[in-house]
Amino acid sequence: MEIGLNAVFITGVLQIIAIDLLLGGDNAIVIALACRKLSPEQRRKGVFWGVFGAVVARLILIFFALQLLALPYLKIVGSVLLLWIGVKLLLPDHDEHDNIESSSRLLDAIKTIVIADVVMSLDNVIAVAAAAHGHMALAVFGIAVSIPVIVWGSQFVLKLLTRYPVIVYFGGALLGWIGGRMLMSDPALASITEHLPPYSALVAAVVGAVMVVVLGYVIGSKNKRKMNKNP
């Protein structure tokens, strides 16, 4: 189907760019968090292959976006995954003696990036599909625009994490925030959430953020004590 340069097309392009610019930062932080334990020479590979896998996953999701998000319980599962990933990223590295090969770490980072991006991109994919007005060419264009935003953003956040390690807690809190908010929008909970006050989604987001930070700190502290007892 030929797409003309009309108002609908231009509006769709602007909306898709805005969506990716607004949501790309979340994905950039996930990439930075997942790659922070890689050696410097492995980080670029982690970012490249992580983004590549995430983009491929988005292209697949875009074809099934409406059907996927209409399914009940999908966002509940997604929110739980995000909370788990957030806690996991806050935990200290158990291998202080570099016994794990860098290739295995790289693979773990790539898997974390792809899984987190797929979960976090569900709403993004739906928004892009709506802005594209049914035109797949526009939807693919929107995803392509997000690539440089995510790659540049992740490199910037990686530098910040190296200089200020405490930022990792803000990243974990962000994942918890998104997970809590996503939970409240699941269709299976519509009969419950429709009777809740308007600010309930905000409360769920705050609870999710606090939960990730607290669990990450508590579990991380316990792991550090065990590692100190058994050097």
Protein backbone atom coordinates (compact mmCIF):
# COMPACT_ATOMS: atom_id res chain seq x y z
CA MET A 1 0.00 0.00 0.00
CA GLU A 2 1.48 3.34 -1.03
CA ILE A 3 1.86 5.86 1.76
CA GLY A 4 1.54 9.49 0.72
CA LEU A 5 3.15 12.47 2.37
CA ASN A 6 -0.05 13.69 3.95
CA ALA A 7 -0.99 14.96 7.38
CA VAL A 8 -1.68 11.47 8.74
CA PHE A 9 1.73 10.23 7.62
CA ILE A 10 3.61 13.21 9.05
CA THR A 11 1.66 13.06 12.32
CA GLY A 12 2.38 9.33 12.59
CA VAL A 13 6.11 9.89 12.05
CA LEU A 14 6.26 12.62 14.69
CA GLN A 15 4.31 10.53 17.19
CA ILE A 16 6.54 7.49 16.70
CA ILE A 17 9.71 9.54 17.11
CA ALA A 18 8.32 11.10 20.29
CA ILE A 19 7.37 7.68 21.70
CA ASP A 20 10.82 6.24 21.06
CA LEU A 21 12.59 9.29 22.47
CA LEU A 22 10.49 9.17 25.64
CA LEU A 23 10.76 5.41 26.19
CA GLY A 24 14.23 4.78 24.79
CA GLY A 25 15.91 6.02 27.96
CA ASP A 26 14.46 3.15 30.00
CA ASN A 27 15.94 0.62 27.60
CA ALA A 28 19.27 2.44 27.62
CA ILE A 29 19.45 2.10 31.40
CA VAL A 30 18.69 -1.63 31.16
CA ILE A 31 21.51 -2.07 28.64
CA ALA A 32 23.89 -0.10 30.84
CA LEU A 33 22.98 -2.11 33.93
CA ALA A 34 23.28 -5.45 32.14
CA CYS A 35 26.69 -4.59 30.66
CA ARG A 36 28.27 -2.88 33.64
CA LYS A 37 30.07 -6.06 34.80
CA LEU A 38 31.57 -6.78 31.40
CA SER A 39 35.18 -5.98 30.68
CA PRO A 40 35.64 -2.74 28.70
CA GLU A 41 36.43 -4.61 25.48
CA GLN A 42 33.27 -6.70 25.85
CA ARG A 43 30.89 -3.83 26.57
CA ARG A 44 30.55 -2.69 22.97
CA LYS A 45 29.76 -6.23 21.92
CA GLY A 46 27.20 -6.52 24.69
CA VAL A 47 25.52 -3.26 23.68
CA PHE A 48 25.55 -4.12 19.96
CA TRP A 49 24.22 -7.67 20.23
CA GLY A 50 21.83 -6.75 23.01
CA VAL A 51 20.30 -3.95 20.94
CA PHE A 52 20.30 -6.15 17.83
CA GLY A 53 18.40 -8.92 19.63
CA ALA A 54 16.01 -6.42 21.21
CA VAL A 55 15.23 -4.82 17.84
CA VAL A 56 14.57 -8.21 16.24
CA ALA A 57 12.27 -9.09 19.15
CA ARG A 58 10.41 -5.78 18.72
CA LEU A 59 9.92 -6.39 15.01
CA ILE A 60 8.36 -9.76 15.82
CA LEU A 61 6.19 -8.31 18.59
CA ILE A 62 4.85 -5.52 16.41
CA PHE A 63 2.99 -8.05 14.26
CA PHE A 64 1.19 -9.50 17.26
CA ALA A 65 1.05 -6.45 19.54
CA LEU A 66 -2.71 -5.96 19.69
CA GLN A 67 -3.42 -9.66 20.21
CA LEU A 68 -0.66 -10.07 22.82
CA LEU A 69 -1.67 -7.17 25.03
CA ALA A 70 -5.33 -8.15 24.82
CA LEU A 71 -4.49 -11.44 26.54
CA PRO A 72 -5.14 -11.40 30.29
CA TYR A 73 -2.29 -12.05 32.72
CA LEU A 74 0.44 -11.21 30.17
CA LYS A 75 1.31 -7.90 31.82
CA ILE A 76 1.24 -9.58 35.24
CA VAL A 77 3.91 -12.01 34.07
CA GLY A 78 5.83 -9.14 32.49
CA SER A 79 5.77 -7.08 35.68
CA VAL A 80 7.06 -10.02 37.72
CA LEU A 81 9.88 -10.50 35.21
CA LEU A 82 10.84 -6.84 35.45
CA LEU A 83 10.89 -6.94 39.25
CA TRP A 84 13.08 -10.06 39.16
CA ILE A 85 15.48 -8.53 36.64
CA GLY A 86 15.68 -5.34 38.70
CA VAL A 87 16.61 -7.25 41.86
CA LYS A 88 19.09 -9.43 40.00
CA LEU A 89 20.89 -6.40 38.54
CA LEU A 90 21.37 -4.95 42.04
CA LEU A 91 23.13 -8.05 43.35
CA PRO A 92 26.94 -7.95 43.63
CA ASP A 93 29.13 -10.07 41.42
CA HIS A 94 29.79 -13.38 43.16
CA ASP A 95 32.90 -14.06 41.13
CA GLU A 96 35.60 -11.86 42.59
CA HIS A 97 38.36 -13.98 41.09
CA ASP A 98 37.19 -13.82 37.49
CA ASN A 99 36.61 -17.56 37.25
CA ILE A 100 33.73 -17.08 34.81
CA GLU A 101 34.73 -16.65 31.19
CA SER A 102 33.91 -13.30 29.64
CA SER A 103 31.95 -14.98 26.85
CA SER A 104 29.46 -16.42 29.34
CA ARG A 105 29.06 -13.04 30.96
CA LEU A 106 28.50 -11.45 27.57
CA LEU A 107 25.78 -13.98 26.78
CA ASP A 108 24.10 -13.34 30.14
CA ALA A 109 24.15 -9.60 29.50
CA ILE A 110 22.65 -10.04 26.03
CA LYS A 111 19.88 -12.28 27.37
CA THR A 112 19.10 -9.80 30.14
CA ILE A 113 18.91 -6.94 27.63
CA VAL A 114 16.61 -8.83 25.26
CA ILE A 115 14.28 -10.13 27.98
CA ALA A 116 13.99 -6.76 29.71
CA ASP A 117 13.51 -4.91 26.42
CA VAL A 118 10.74 -7.29 25.31
CA VAL A 119 8.92 -6.88 28.63
CA MET A 120 9.36 -3.11 28.73
CA SER A 121 8.49 -2.68 25.05
CA LEU A 122 4.98 -4.14 25.20
CA ASP A 123 3.38 -0.75 25.79
CA ASN A 124 5.90 0.85 23.44
CA VAL A 125 5.02 -1.52 20.62
CA ILE A 126 1.30 -0.89 21.03
CA ALA A 127 1.87 2.88 21.05
CA VAL A 128 3.98 2.68 17.89
CA ALA A 129 1.38 0.49 16.17
CA ALA A 130 -1.38 2.96 17.04
CA ALA A 131 0.68 5.92 15.82
CA ALA A 132 1.43 4.11 12.56
CA HIS A 133 -2.30 3.82 11.77
CA GLY A 134 -1.88 0.25 10.55
CA HIS A 135 1.12 0.94 8.28
CA MET A 136 3.91 -1.52 9.07
CA ALA A 137 6.43 0.65 7.21
CA LEU A 138 5.87 3.43 9.74
CA ALA A 139 6.05 1.00 12.66
CA VAL A 140 9.40 -0.39 11.46
CA PHE A 141 10.62 3.16 10.90
CA GLY A 142 9.79 4.03 14.49
CA ILE A 143 11.80 1.10 15.80
CA ALA A 144 14.72 2.03 13.53
CA VAL A 145 14.70 5.56 14.93
CA SER A 146 15.00 4.20 18.46
CA ILE A 147 18.26 2.33 17.76
CA PRO A 148 20.69 5.29 17.88
CA VAL A 149 18.81 6.74 20.87
CA ILE A 150 19.16 3.51 22.84
CA VAL A 151 22.79 2.86 21.83
CA TRP A 152 23.96 6.39 22.63
CA GLY A 153 22.00 6.48 25.84
CA SER A 154 23.42 3.18 27.08
CA GLN A 155 26.99 4.29 26.42
CA PHE A 156 26.37 7.51 28.36
CA VAL A 157 24.80 5.66 31.31
CA LEU A 158 27.67 3.13 31.30
CA LYS A 159 30.13 5.98 31.86
CA LEU A 160 28.02 7.31 34.72
CA LEU A 161 27.78 3.85 36.33
CA THR A 162 31.54 3.45 36.18
CA ARG A 163 32.06 6.77 37.95
CA TYR A 164 29.04 6.64 40.28
CA PRO A 165 28.16 2.99 41.11
CA VAL A 166 25.27 4.08 43.36
CA ILE A 167 23.31 4.94 40.23
CA VAL A 168 22.64 1.22 39.84
CA TYR A 169 20.00 1.54 42.56
CA PHE A 170 18.18 4.21 40.58
CA GLY A 171 18.19 1.85 37.59
CA GLY A 172 16.80 -1.00 39.68
CA ALA A 173 14.13 1.33 41.10
CA LEU A 174 13.18 2.32 37.57
CA LEU A 175 12.60 -1.30 36.61
CA GLY A 176 10.48 -1.79 39.72
CA TRP A 177 8.53 1.39 38.90
CA ILE A 178 7.74 0.18 35.38
CA GLY A 179 6.87 -3.31 36.64
CA GLY A 180 4.45 -2.00 39.25
CA ARG A 181 2.77 0.30 36.76
CA MET A 182 2.50 -2.46 34.17
CA LEU A 183 0.84 -4.77 36.70
CA MET A 184 -2.05 -2.36 37.20
CA SER A 185 -2.82 -2.20 33.47
CA ASP A 186 -3.34 -5.94 32.94
CA PRO A 187 -6.81 -6.71 31.48
CA ALA A 188 -7.27 -9.54 33.98
CA LEU A 189 -7.28 -6.98 36.81
CA ALA A 190 -9.66 -4.55 35.10
CA SER A 191 -12.59 -5.52 37.34
CA ILE A 192 -10.46 -4.59 40.37
CA THR A 193 -8.52 -1.58 39.12
CA GLU A 194 -11.60 0.20 37.77
CA HIS A 195 -12.82 0.61 41.35
CA LEU A 196 -9.50 1.92 42.64
CA PRO A 197 -8.65 5.64 42.88
CA PRO A 198 -6.90 7.29 39.91
CA TYR A 199 -3.57 7.41 41.71
CA SER A 200 -3.48 3.63 42.31
CA ALA A 201 -1.16 3.08 39.35
CA LEU A 202 1.28 5.61 40.83
CA VAL A 203 1.15 3.84 44.19
CA ALA A 204 1.83 0.48 42.51
CA ALA A 205 4.80 2.00 40.67
CA VAL A 206 6.27 3.39 43.90
CA VAL A 207 5.74 0.06 45.70
CA GLY A 208 7.48 -1.77 42.85
CA ALA A 209 10.44 0.61 42.93
CA VAL A 210 10.84 0.36 46.70
CA MET A 211 10.44 -3.43 46.61
CA VAL A 212 13.24 -3.89 44.08
CA VAL A 213 15.64 -1.61 45.96
CA VAL A 214 14.91 -3.19 49.36
CA LEU A 215 15.11 -6.77 48.10
CA GLY A 216 18.24 -6.02 46.09
CA TYR A 217 19.91 -4.41 49.12
CA VAL A 218 18.89 -7.16 51.59
CA ILE A 219 19.81 -10.08 49.33
CA GLY A 220 23.00 -8.34 48.22
CA SER A 221 24.03 -7.71 51.84
CA LYS A 222 23.43 -11.35 52.74
CA ASN A 223 25.47 -12.51 49.77
CA LYS A 224 28.33 -10.17 50.70
CA ARG A 225 28.37 -11.55 54.27
CA LYS A 226 28.47 -15.11 52.95
CA MET A 227 31.30 -14.22 50.58
CA ASN A 228 33.25 -12.59 53.43
CA LYS A 229 32.82 -15.67 55.62
CA ASN A 230 33.87 -17.99 52.82
CA PRO A 231 36.61 -16.12 50.90
